[in-house]
């Protein structure tokens, strides 16, 4: 996953559209979209603006994809709840997939 993809993932996690985020950063949405889509190189200024706007975002996760996206010491109760809900949904999805595979195995 690229840095731009991680930024888009974080925006989705926070429930913020690229359009509203571009307004909050006082950047052109077109410029931001071009950087996010890889049409132009993601600028250092954009990365810095993202990290400045989201002080709870892990720079290590953003730049390297390592660790958690949220700094562990700065996760709010609401953000923790959202992460737990997302993980619970993934567990349910995986359990359903396991059941599907077990059913296919029995038919074979």
PDB file of N, CA and C in Angstrom:
ATOM      1  N   UNK A   1       0.853  -1.180   0.000  1.00  0.00           N
ATOM      2  CA  UNK A   1       0.000   0.000   0.000  1.00  0.00           C
ATOM      3  C   UNK A   1       0.896   1.240   0.000  1.00  0.00           C
ATOM      4  N   UNK A   2       0.544   2.216  -0.815  1.00  0.00           N
ATOM      5  CA  UNK A   2       1.337   3.443  -0.918  1.00  0.00           C
ATOM      6  C   UNK A   2       0.936   4.431   0.180  1.00  0.00           C
ATOM      7  N   UNK A   3       1.745   5.464   0.326  1.00  0.00           N
ATOM      8  CA  UNK A   3       1.441   6.522   1.295  1.00  0.00           C
ATOM      9  C   UNK A   3       0.091   7.160   0.957  1.00  0.00           C
ATOM     10  N   UNK A   4      -0.127   7.432  -0.317  1.00  0.00           N
ATOM     11  CA  UNK A   4      -1.397   8.045  -0.742  1.00  0.00           C
ATOM     12  C   UNK A   4      -2.574   7.142  -0.398  1.00  0.00           C
ATOM     13  N   UNK A   5      -2.418   5.830  -0.610  1.00  0.00           N
ATOM     14  CA  UNK A   5      -3.491   4.894  -0.280  1.00  0.00           C
ATOM     15  C   UNK A   5      -3.757   4.862   1.227  1.00  0.00           C
ATOM     16  N   UNK A   6      -2.682   4.973   2.011  1.00  0.00           N
ATOM     17  CA  UNK A   6      -2.864   5.002   3.475  1.00  0.00           C
ATOM     18  C   UNK A   6      -3.579   6.293   3.902  1.00  0.00           C
ATOM     19  N   UNK A   7      -3.275   7.403   3.239  1.00  0.00           N
ATOM     20  CA  UNK A   7      -3.979   8.652   3.562  1.00  0.00           C
ATOM     21  C   UNK A   7      -5.461   8.489   3.259  1.00  0.00           C
ATOM     22  N   UNK A   8      -5.778   7.940   2.087  1.00  0.00           N
ATOM     23  CA  UNK A   8      -7.190   7.736   1.727  1.00  0.00           C
ATOM     24  C   UNK A   8      -7.868   6.783   2.712  1.00  0.00           C
ATOM     25  N   UNK A   9      -7.162   5.753   3.124  1.00  0.00           N
ATOM     26  CA  UNK A   9      -7.718   4.813   4.103  1.00  0.00           C
ATOM     27  C   UNK A   9      -7.996   5.519   5.430  1.00  0.00           C
ATOM     28  N   UNK A  10      -7.080   6.394   5.837  1.00  0.00           N
ATOM     29  CA  UNK A  10      -7.254   7.121   7.091  1.00  0.00           C
ATOM     30  C   UNK A  10      -8.438   8.081   7.004  1.00  0.00           C
ATOM     31  N   UNK A  11      -8.581   8.745   5.873  1.00  0.00           N
ATOM     32  CA  UNK A  11      -9.726   9.639   5.684  1.00  0.00           C
ATOM     33  C   UNK A  11     -11.028   8.851   5.792  1.00  0.00           C
ATOM     34  N   UNK A  12     -11.064   7.679   5.169  1.00  0.00           N
ATOM     35  CA  UNK A  12     -12.253   6.834   5.248  1.00  0.00           C
ATOM     36  C   UNK A  12     -12.508   6.415   6.693  1.00  0.00           C
ATOM     37  N   UNK A  13     -11.452   6.033   7.390  1.00  0.00           N
ATOM     38  CA  UNK A  13     -11.529   5.653   8.803  1.00  0.00           C
ATOM     39  C   UNK A  13     -12.125   6.783   9.645  1.00  0.00           C
ATOM     40  N   UNK A  14     -11.732   8.014   9.325  1.00  0.00           N
ATOM     41  CA  UNK A  14     -12.218   9.182  10.064  1.00  0.00           C
ATOM     42  C   UNK A  14     -13.564   9.685   9.547  1.00  0.00           C
ATOM     43  N   UNK A  15     -14.023   9.123   8.417  1.00  0.00           N
ATOM     44  CA  UNK A  15     -15.303   9.554   7.855  1.00  0.00           C
ATOM     45  C   UNK A  15     -15.242  10.912   7.186  1.00  0.00           C
ATOM     46  N   UNK A  16     -14.108  11.215   6.569  1.00  0.00           N
ATOM     47  CA  UNK A  16     -13.901  12.516   5.924  1.00  0.00           C
ATOM     48  C   UNK A  16     -13.700  12.299   4.424  1.00  0.00           C
ATOM     49  N   UNK A  17     -14.438  13.035   3.608  1.00  0.00           N
ATOM     50  CA  UNK A  17     -14.271  12.924   2.163  1.00  0.00           C
ATOM     51  C   UNK A  17     -13.036  13.707   1.723  1.00  0.00           C
ATOM     52  N   UNK A  18     -12.512  13.337   0.555  1.00  0.00           N
ATOM     53  CA  UNK A  18     -11.358  14.049   0.002  1.00  0.00           C
ATOM     54  C   UNK A  18     -11.730  15.505  -0.235  1.00  0.00           C
ATOM     55  N   UNK A  19     -12.962  15.742  -0.685  1.00  0.00           N
ATOM     56  CA  UNK A  19     -13.416  17.102  -0.944  1.00  0.00           C
ATOM     57  C   UNK A  19     -13.384  17.945   0.336  1.00  0.00           C
ATOM     58  N   UNK A  20     -13.984  17.447   1.405  1.00  0.00           N
ATOM     59  CA  UNK A  20     -14.006  18.248   2.637  1.00  0.00           C
ATOM     60  C   UNK A  20     -12.604  18.366   3.221  1.00  0.00           C
ATOM     61  N   UNK A  21     -11.785  17.326   3.073  1.00  0.00           N
ATOM     62  CA  UNK A  21     -10.418  17.388   3.583  1.00  0.00           C
ATOM     63  C   UNK A  21      -9.605  18.430   2.827  1.00  0.00           C
ATOM     64  N   UNK A  22      -9.793  18.496   1.513  1.00  0.00           N
ATOM     65  CA  UNK A  22      -9.054  19.493   0.732  1.00  0.00           C
ATOM     66  C   UNK A  22      -9.421  20.905   1.176  1.00  0.00           C
ATOM     67  N   UNK A  23     -10.703  21.112   1.508  1.00  0.00           N
ATOM     68  CA  UNK A  23     -11.125  22.429   2.000  1.00  0.00           C
ATOM     69  C   UNK A  23     -10.495  22.736   3.355  1.00  0.00           C
ATOM     70  N   UNK A  24     -10.425  21.713   4.217  1.00  0.00           N
ATOM     71  CA  UNK A  24      -9.833  21.915   5.545  1.00  0.00           C
ATOM     72  C   UNK A  24      -8.347  22.247   5.449  1.00  0.00           C
ATOM     73  N   UNK A  25      -7.683  21.694   4.434  1.00  0.00           N
ATOM     74  CA  UNK A  25      -6.256  21.971   4.235  1.00  0.00           C
ATOM     75  C   UNK A  25      -6.025  23.207   3.379  1.00  0.00           C
ATOM     76  N   UNK A  26      -7.114  23.781   2.859  1.00  0.00           N
ATOM     77  CA  UNK A  26      -7.038  24.916   1.946  1.00  0.00           C
ATOM     78  C   UNK A  26      -6.210  24.559   0.709  1.00  0.00           C
ATOM     79  N   UNK A  27      -6.509  23.355   0.174  1.00  0.00           N
ATOM     80  CA  UNK A  27      -5.851  22.863  -1.034  1.00  0.00           C
ATOM     81  C   UNK A  27      -6.914  22.616  -2.091  1.00  0.00           C
ATOM     82  N   UNK A  28      -6.487  22.648  -3.317  1.00  0.00           N
ATOM     83  CA  UNK A  28      -7.396  22.329  -4.408  1.00  0.00           C
ATOM     84  C   UNK A  28      -7.717  20.833  -4.361  1.00  0.00           C
ATOM     85  N   UNK A  29      -9.005  20.502  -4.494  1.00  0.00           N
ATOM     86  CA  UNK A  29      -9.398  19.103  -4.503  1.00  0.00           C
ATOM     87  C   UNK A  29      -8.761  18.384  -5.694  1.00  0.00           C
ATOM     88  N   UNK A  30      -8.661  19.062  -6.815  1.00  0.00           N
ATOM     89  CA  UNK A  30      -8.048  18.485  -8.007  1.00  0.00           C
ATOM     90  C   UNK A  30      -6.595  18.112  -7.730  1.00  0.00           C
ATOM     91  N   UNK A  31      -5.870  19.007  -7.105  1.00  0.00           N
ATOM     92  CA  UNK A  31      -4.465  18.740  -6.771  1.00  0.00           C
ATOM     93  C   UNK A  31      -4.353  17.547  -5.843  1.00  0.00           C
ATOM     94  N   UNK A  32      -5.185  17.518  -4.822  1.00  0.00           N
ATOM     95  CA  UNK A  32      -5.162  16.424  -3.863  1.00  0.00           C
ATOM     96  C   UNK A  32      -5.534  15.104  -4.532  1.00  0.00           C
ATOM     97  N   UNK A  33      -6.568  15.116  -5.359  1.00  0.00           N
ATOM     98  CA  UNK A  33      -6.962  13.900  -6.073  1.00  0.00           C
ATOM     99  C   UNK A  33      -5.848  13.394  -6.992  1.00  0.00           C
ATOM    100  N   UNK A  34      -5.191  14.302  -7.678  1.00  0.00           N
ATOM    101  CA  UNK A  34      -4.097  13.903  -8.571  1.00  0.00           C
ATOM    102  C   UNK A  34      -2.967  13.249  -7.783  1.00  0.00           C
ATOM    103  N   UNK A  35      -2.674  13.801  -6.606  1.00  0.00           N
ATOM    104  CA  UNK A  35      -1.633  13.207  -5.770  1.00  0.00           C
ATOM    105  C   UNK A  35      -2.079  11.845  -5.242  1.00  0.00           C
ATOM    106  N   UNK A  36      -3.322  11.742  -4.800  1.00  0.00           N
ATOM    107  CA  UNK A  36      -3.830  10.485  -4.259  1.00  0.00           C
ATOM    108  C   UNK A  36      -3.932   9.404  -5.329  1.00  0.00           C
ATOM    109  N   UNK A  37      -4.247   9.801  -6.562  1.00  0.00           N
ATOM    110  CA  UNK A  37      -4.404   8.830  -7.642  1.00  0.00           C
ATOM    111  C   UNK A  37      -3.101   8.518  -8.363  1.00  0.00           C
ATOM    112  N   UNK A  38      -2.023   9.198  -8.005  1.00  0.00           N
ATOM    113  CA  UNK A  38      -0.727   8.922  -8.604  1.00  0.00           C
ATOM    114  C   UNK A  38      -0.468   9.630  -9.908  1.00  0.00           C
ATOM    115  N   UNK A  39      -1.362  10.531 -10.319  1.00  0.00           N
ATOM    116  CA  UNK A  39      -1.149  11.293 -11.544  1.00  0.00           C
ATOM    117  C   UNK A  39       0.069  12.194 -11.392  1.00  0.00           C
ATOM    118  N   UNK A  40       0.213  12.777 -10.206  1.00  0.00           N
ATOM    119  CA  UNK A  40       1.407  13.554  -9.858  1.00  0.00           C
ATOM    120  C   UNK A  40       1.951  13.004  -8.546  1.00  0.00           C
ATOM    121  N   UNK A  41       3.208  13.270  -8.296  1.00  0.00           N
ATOM    122  CA  UNK A  41       3.857  12.769  -7.090  1.00  0.00           C
ATOM    123  C   UNK A  41       3.262  13.424  -5.852  1.00  0.00           C
ATOM    124  N   UNK A  42       3.055  12.610  -4.834  1.00  0.00           N
ATOM    125  CA  UNK A  42       2.577  13.108  -3.550  1.00  0.00           C
ATOM    126  C   UNK A  42       3.652  14.026  -2.978  1.00  0.00           C
ATOM    127  N   UNK A  43       3.269  15.243  -2.659  1.00  0.00           N
ATOM    128  CA  UNK A  43       4.258  16.216  -2.204  1.00  0.00           C
ATOM    129  C   UNK A  43       4.541  16.080  -0.714  1.00  0.00           C
ATOM    130  N   UNK A  44       5.729  16.496  -0.342  1.00  0.00           N
ATOM    131  CA  UNK A  44       6.118  16.520   1.071  1.00  0.00           C
ATOM    132  C   UNK A  44       5.187  17.458   1.832  1.00  0.00           C
ATOM    133  N   UNK A  45       4.787  18.556   1.200  1.00  0.00           N
ATOM    134  CA  UNK A  45       3.897  19.518   1.842  1.00  0.00           C
ATOM    135  C   UNK A  45       2.553  18.864   2.180  1.00  0.00           C
ATOM    136  N   UNK A  46       2.049  18.019   1.279  1.00  0.00           N
ATOM    137  CA  UNK A  46       0.785  17.333   1.532  1.00  0.00           C
ATOM    138  C   UNK A  46       0.928  16.360   2.690  1.00  0.00           C
ATOM    139  N   UNK A  47       2.001  15.592   2.690  1.00  0.00           N
ATOM    140  CA  UNK A  47       2.223  14.631   3.781  1.00  0.00           C
ATOM    141  C   UNK A  47       2.329  15.370   5.112  1.00  0.00           C
ATOM    142  N   UNK A  48       3.070  16.461   5.125  1.00  0.00           N
ATOM    143  CA  UNK A  48       3.208  17.249   6.354  1.00  0.00           C
ATOM    144  C   UNK A  48       1.861  17.811   6.784  1.00  0.00           C
ATOM    145  N   UNK A  49       1.080  18.306   5.846  1.00  0.00           N
ATOM    146  CA  UNK A  49      -0.238  18.849   6.171  1.00  0.00           C
ATOM    147  C   UNK A  49      -1.147  17.768   6.755  1.00  0.00           C
ATOM    148  N   UNK A  50      -1.077  16.559   6.211  1.00  0.00           N
ATOM    149  CA  UNK A  50      -1.887  15.443   6.718  1.00  0.00           C
ATOM    150  C   UNK A  50      -1.487  15.129   8.153  1.00  0.00           C
ATOM    151  N   UNK A  51      -0.185  15.006   8.397  1.00  0.00           N
ATOM    152  CA  UNK A  51       0.286  14.686   9.751  1.00  0.00           C
ATOM    153  C   UNK A  51      -0.016  15.812  10.735  1.00  0.00           C
ATOM    154  N   UNK A  52       0.058  17.050  10.268  1.00  0.00           N
ATOM    155  CA  UNK A  52      -0.279  18.182  11.143  1.00  0.00           C
ATOM    156  C   UNK A  52      -1.769  18.187  11.476  1.00  0.00           C
ATOM    157  N   UNK A  53      -2.595  17.867  10.480  1.00  0.00           N
ATOM    158  CA  UNK A  53      -4.047  17.886  10.687  1.00  0.00           C
ATOM    159  C   UNK A  53      -4.504  16.734  11.582  1.00  0.00           C
ATOM    160  N   UNK A  54      -3.829  15.599  11.452  1.00  0.00           N
ATOM    161  CA  UNK A  54      -4.177  14.415  12.241  1.00  0.00           C
ATOM    162  C   UNK A  54      -3.031  14.072  13.196  1.00  0.00           C
ATOM    163  N   UNK A  55      -2.947  14.737  14.323  1.00  0.00           N
ATOM    164  CA  UNK A  55      -1.844  14.455  15.249  1.00  0.00           C
ATOM    165  C   UNK A  55      -1.905  13.039  15.837  1.00  0.00           C
ATOM    166  N   UNK A  56      -3.060  12.391  15.733  1.00  0.00           N
ATOM    167  CA  UNK A  56      -3.180  11.025  16.248  1.00  0.00           C
ATOM    168  C   UNK A  56      -2.743   9.978  15.233  1.00  0.00           C
ATOM    169  N   UNK A  57      -2.456  10.398  13.993  1.00  0.00           N
ATOM    170  CA  UNK A  57      -2.003   9.451  12.969  1.00  0.00           C
ATOM    171  C   UNK A  57      -0.542   9.103  13.225  1.00  0.00           C
ATOM    172  N   UNK A  58      -0.237   7.840  13.125  1.00  0.00           N
ATOM    173  CA  UNK A  58       1.137   7.380  13.283  1.00  0.00           C
ATOM    174  C   UNK A  58       1.921   7.686  12.009  1.00  0.00           C
ATOM    175  N   UNK A  59       2.975   8.477  12.140  1.00  0.00           N
ATOM    176  CA  UNK A  59       3.818   8.793  10.987  1.00  0.00           C
ATOM    177  C   UNK A  59       4.519   7.533  10.489  1.00  0.00           C
ATOM    178  N   UNK A  60       4.858   6.636  11.400  1.00  0.00           N
ATOM    179  CA  UNK A  60       5.496   5.372  11.018  1.00  0.00           C
ATOM    180  C   UNK A  60       4.558   4.549  10.136  1.00  0.00           C
ATOM    181  N   UNK A  61       3.291   4.492  10.522  1.00  0.00           N
ATOM    182  CA  UNK A  61       2.308   3.770   9.717  1.00  0.00           C
ATOM    183  C   UNK A  61       2.127   4.450   8.365  1.00  0.00           C
ATOM    184  N   UNK A  62       2.019   5.778   8.375  1.00  0.00           N
ATOM    185  CA  UNK A  62       1.802   6.509   7.124  1.00  0.00           C
ATOM    186  C   UNK A  62       2.953   6.302   6.147  1.00  0.00           C
ATOM    187  N   UNK A  63       4.168   6.461   6.614  1.00  0.00           N
ATOM    188  CA  UNK A  63       5.314   6.423   5.719  1.00  0.00           C
ATOM    189  C   UNK A  63       5.776   5.014   5.364  1.00  0.00           C
ATOM    190  N   UNK A  64       5.701   4.095   6.325  1.00  0.00           N
ATOM    191  CA  UNK A  64       6.241   2.751   6.096  1.00  0.00           C
ATOM    192  C   UNK A  64       5.188   1.653   6.084  1.00  0.00           C
ATOM    193  N   UNK A  65       4.004   1.969   6.564  1.00  0.00           N
ATOM    194  CA  UNK A  65       2.971   0.947   6.677  1.00  0.00           C
ATOM    195  C   UNK A  65       3.204   0.034   7.866  1.00  0.00           C
ATOM    196  N   UNK A  66       4.042   0.463   8.806  1.00  0.00           N
ATOM    197  CA  UNK A  66       4.384  -0.362   9.969  1.00  0.00           C
ATOM    198  C   UNK A  66       3.598   0.086  11.191  1.00  0.00           C
ATOM    199  N   UNK A  67       3.131  -0.887  11.959  1.00  0.00           N
ATOM    200  CA  UNK A  67       2.419  -0.568  13.193  1.00  0.00           C
ATOM    201  C   UNK A  67       0.963  -0.217  12.936  1.00  0.00           C
ATOM    202  N   UNK A  68       0.370   0.408  13.936  1.00  0.00           N
ATOM    203  CA  UNK A  68      -1.040   0.799  13.876  1.00  0.00           C
ATOM    204  C   UNK A  68      -1.171   2.189  13.273  1.00  0.00           C
ATOM    205  N   UNK A  69      -2.315   2.434  12.649  1.00  0.00           N
ATOM    206  CA  UNK A  69      -2.529   3.748  12.027  1.00  0.00           C
ATOM    207  C   UNK A  69      -2.725   4.860  13.053  1.00  0.00           C
ATOM    208  N   UNK A  70      -3.222   4.493  14.228  1.00  0.00           N
ATOM    209  CA  UNK A  70      -3.436   5.464  15.304  1.00  0.00           C
ATOM    210  C   UNK A  70      -2.344   5.295  16.342  1.00  0.00           C
ATOM    211  N   UNK A  71      -1.782   6.390  16.786  1.00  0.00           N
ATOM    212  CA  UNK A  71      -0.814   6.317  17.875  1.00  0.00           C
ATOM    213  C   UNK A  71      -1.527   5.701  19.072  1.00  0.00           C
ATOM    214  N   UNK A  72      -0.941   4.718  19.648  1.00  0.00           N
ATOM    215  CA  UNK A  72      -1.620   3.967  20.711  1.00  0.00           C
ATOM    216  C   UNK A  72      -1.976   4.829  21.915  1.00  0.00           C
ATOM    217  N   UNK A  73      -1.183   5.830  22.204  1.00  0.00           N
ATOM    218  CA  UNK A  73      -1.458   6.655  23.367  1.00  0.00           C
ATOM    219  C   UNK A  73      -2.458   7.774  23.103  1.00  0.00           C
ATOM    220  N   UNK A  74      -2.925   7.897  21.868  1.00  0.00           N
ATOM    221  CA  UNK A  74      -3.819   9.014  21.561  1.00  0.00           C
ATOM    222  C   UNK A  74      -5.170   8.565  21.012  1.00  0.00           C
ATOM    223  N   UNK A  75      -5.493   7.271  21.101  1.00  0.00           N
ATOM    224  CA  UNK A  75      -6.753   6.787  20.560  1.00  0.00           C
ATOM    225  C   UNK A  75      -7.896   7.146  21.514  1.00  0.00           C
ATOM    226  N   UNK A  76      -8.862   7.845  20.982  1.00  0.00           N
ATOM    227  CA  UNK A  76     -10.024   8.216  21.783  1.00  0.00           C
ATOM    228  C   UNK A  76     -10.937   7.008  21.954  1.00  0.00           C
ATOM    229  N   UNK A  77     -11.856   7.113  22.894  1.00  0.00           N
ATOM    230  CA  UNK A  77     -12.817   6.026  23.112  1.00  0.00           C
ATOM    231  C   UNK A  77     -13.608   5.740  21.849  1.00  0.00           C
ATOM    232  N   UNK A  78     -14.036   6.781  21.169  1.00  0.00           N
ATOM    233  CA  UNK A  78     -14.829   6.612  19.948  1.00  0.00           C
ATOM    234  C   UNK A  78     -14.012   5.914  18.862  1.00  0.00           C
ATOM    235  N   UNK A  79     -12.775   6.343  18.689  1.00  0.00           N
ATOM    236  CA  UNK A  79     -11.921   5.724  17.681  1.00  0.00           C
ATOM    237  C   UNK A  79     -11.642   4.260  18.021  1.00  0.00           C
ATOM    238  N   UNK A  80     -11.436   3.980  19.289  1.00  0.00           N
ATOM    239  CA  UNK A  80     -11.225   2.606  19.726  1.00  0.00           C
ATOM    240  C   UNK A  80     -12.475   1.769  19.451  1.00  0.00           C
ATOM    241  N   UNK A  81     -13.625   2.357  19.686  1.00  0.00           N
ATOM    242  CA  UNK A  81     -14.889   1.666  19.416  1.00  0.00           C
ATOM    243  C   UNK A  81     -15.030   1.348  17.929  1.00  0.00           C
ATOM    244  N   UNK A  82     -14.676   2.306  17.083  1.00  0.00           N
ATOM    245  CA  UNK A  82     -14.755   2.104  15.629  1.00  0.00           C
ATOM    246  C   UNK A  82     -13.823   0.971  15.206  1.00  0.00           C
ATOM    247  N   UNK A  83     -12.604   0.958  15.732  1.00  0.00           N
ATOM    248  CA  UNK A  83     -11.646  -0.095  15.404  1.00  0.00           C
ATOM    249  C   UNK A  83     -12.191  -1.451  15.842  1.00  0.00           C
ATOM    250  N   UNK A  84     -12.758  -1.515  17.047  1.00  0.00           N
ATOM    251  CA  UNK A  84     -13.319  -2.770  17.549  1.00  0.00           C
ATOM    252  C   UNK A  84     -14.480  -3.253  16.677  1.00  0.00           C
ATOM    253  N   UNK A  85     -15.329  -2.345  16.268  1.00  0.00           N
ATOM    254  CA  UNK A  85     -16.455  -2.704  15.394  1.00  0.00           C
ATOM    255  C   UNK A  85     -15.938  -3.237  14.068  1.00  0.00           C
ATOM    256  N   UNK A  86     -14.945  -2.556  13.490  1.00  0.00           N
ATOM    257  CA  UNK A  86     -14.362  -3.005  12.219  1.00  0.00           C
ATOM    258  C   UNK A  86     -13.767  -4.406  12.371  1.00  0.00           C
ATOM    259  N   UNK A  87     -13.066  -4.631  13.453  1.00  0.00           N
ATOM    260  CA  UNK A  87     -12.451  -5.943  13.667  1.00  0.00           C
ATOM    261  C   UNK A  87     -13.506  -7.008  13.912  1.00  0.00           C
ATOM    262  N   UNK A  88     -14.569  -6.668  14.619  1.00  0.00           N
ATOM    263  CA  UNK A  88     -15.655  -7.620  14.858  1.00  0.00           C
ATOM    264  C   UNK A  88     -16.315  -8.020  13.539  1.00  0.00           C
ATOM    265  N   UNK A  89     -16.539  -7.047  12.667  1.00  0.00           N
ATOM    266  CA  UNK A  89     -17.130  -7.344  11.355  1.00  0.00           C
ATOM    267  C   UNK A  89     -16.223  -8.265  10.552  1.00  0.00           C
ATOM    268  N   UNK A  90     -14.919  -8.024  10.626  1.00  0.00           N
ATOM    269  CA  UNK A  90     -13.974  -8.866   9.905  1.00  0.00           C
ATOM    270  C   UNK A  90     -13.982 -10.286  10.463  1.00  0.00           C
ATOM    271  N   UNK A  91     -14.095 -10.445  11.760  1.00  0.00           N
ATOM    272  CA  UNK A  91     -14.162 -11.768  12.381  1.00  0.00           C
ATOM    273  C   UNK A  91     -15.403 -12.513  11.900  1.00  0.00           C
ATOM    274  N   UNK A  92     -16.540 -11.826  11.872  1.00  0.00           N
ATOM    275  CA  UNK A  92     -17.784 -12.443  11.400  1.00  0.00           C
ATOM    276  C   UNK A  92     -17.633 -12.864   9.942  1.00  0.00           C
ATOM    277  N   UNK A  93     -17.049 -11.986   9.123  1.00  0.00           N
ATOM    278  CA  UNK A  93     -16.841 -12.300   7.715  1.00  0.00           C
ATOM    279  C   UNK A  93     -15.952 -13.526   7.555  1.00  0.00           C
ATOM    280  N   UNK A  94     -14.899 -13.614   8.333  1.00  0.00           N
ATOM    281  CA  UNK A  94     -13.989 -14.753   8.250  1.00  0.00           C
ATOM    282  C   UNK A  94     -14.654 -16.042   8.724  1.00  0.00           C
ATOM    283  N   UNK A  95     -15.474 -15.963   9.780  1.00  0.00           N
ATOM    284  CA  UNK A  95     -16.197 -17.143  10.255  1.00  0.00           C
ATOM    285  C   UNK A  95     -17.150 -17.658   9.181  1.00  0.00           C
ATOM    286  N   UNK A  96     -17.821 -16.733   8.498  1.00  0.00           N
ATOM    287  CA  UNK A  96     -18.739 -17.127   7.432  1.00  0.00           C
ATOM    288  C   UNK A  96     -17.970 -17.788   6.278  1.00  0.00           C
ATOM    289  N   UNK A  97     -16.816 -17.237   5.969  1.00  0.00           N
ATOM    290  CA  UNK A  97     -15.990 -17.808   4.905  1.00  0.00           C
ATOM    291  C   UNK A  97     -15.514 -19.211   5.280  1.00  0.00           C
ATOM    292  N   UNK A  98     -15.148 -19.413   6.539  1.00  0.00           N
ATOM    293  CA  UNK A  98     -14.725 -20.732   7.009  1.00  0.00           C
ATOM    294  C   UNK A  98     -15.867 -21.727   6.852  1.00  0.00           C
ATOM    295  N   UNK A  99     -17.083 -21.298   7.216  1.00  0.00           N
ATOM    296  CA  UNK A  99     -18.246 -22.175   7.073  1.00  0.00           C
ATOM    297  C   UNK A  99     -18.489 -22.529   5.606  1.00  0.00           C
ATOM    298  N   UNK A 100     -18.331 -21.551   4.716  1.00  0.00           N
ATOM    299  CA  UNK A 100     -18.489 -21.807   3.282  1.00  0.00           C
ATOM    300  C   UNK A 100     -17.475 -22.839   2.806  1.00  0.00           C
ATOM    301  N   UNK A 101     -16.236 -22.674   3.221  1.00  0.00           N
ATOM    302  CA  UNK A 101     -15.189 -23.591   2.791  1.00  0.00           C
ATOM    303  C   UNK A 101     -15.405 -24.992   3.352  1.00  0.00           C
ATOM    304  N   UNK A 102     -15.881 -25.077   4.593  1.00  0.00           N
ATOM    305  CA  UNK A 102     -16.173 -26.374   5.190  1.00  0.00           C
ATOM    306  C   UNK A 102     -17.312 -27.066   4.432  1.00  0.00           C
ATOM    307  N   UNK A 103     -18.317 -26.291   4.014  1.00  0.00           N
ATOM    308  CA  UNK A 103     -19.426 -26.827   3.227  1.00  0.00           C
ATOM    309  C   UNK A 103     -18.954 -27.341   1.875  1.00  0.00           C
ATOM    310  N   UNK A 104     -18.063 -26.596   1.242  1.00  0.00           N
ATOM    311  CA  UNK A 104     -17.517 -27.020  -0.049  1.00  0.00           C
ATOM    312  C   UNK A 104     -16.697 -28.302   0.107  1.00  0.00           C
ATOM    313  N   UNK A 105     -15.981 -28.400   1.227  1.00  0.00           N
ATOM    314  CA  UNK A 105     -15.154 -29.575   1.483  1.00  0.00           C
ATOM    315  C   UNK A 105     -16.031 -30.825   1.623  1.00  0.00           C
ATOM    316  N   UNK A 106     -17.192 -30.673   2.299  1.00  0.00           N
ATOM    317  CA  UNK A 106     -18.097 -31.788   2.495  1.00  0.00           C
ATOM    318  C   UNK A 106     -18.706 -32.252   1.168  1.00  0.00           C
ATOM    319  N   UNK A 107     -18.928 -31.314   0.248  1.00  0.00           N
ATOM    320  CA  UNK A 107     -19.516 -31.644  -1.048  1.00  0.00           C
ATOM    321  C   UNK A 107     -18.517 -32.341  -1.972  1.00  0.00           C
ATOM    322  N   UNK A 108     -17.241 -32.103  -1.725  1.00  0.00           N
ATOM    323  CA  UNK A 108     -16.202 -32.658  -2.600  1.00  0.00           C
ATOM    324  C   UNK A 108     -15.938 -34.126  -2.361  1.00  0.00           C
TER     325      UNK A 108
END
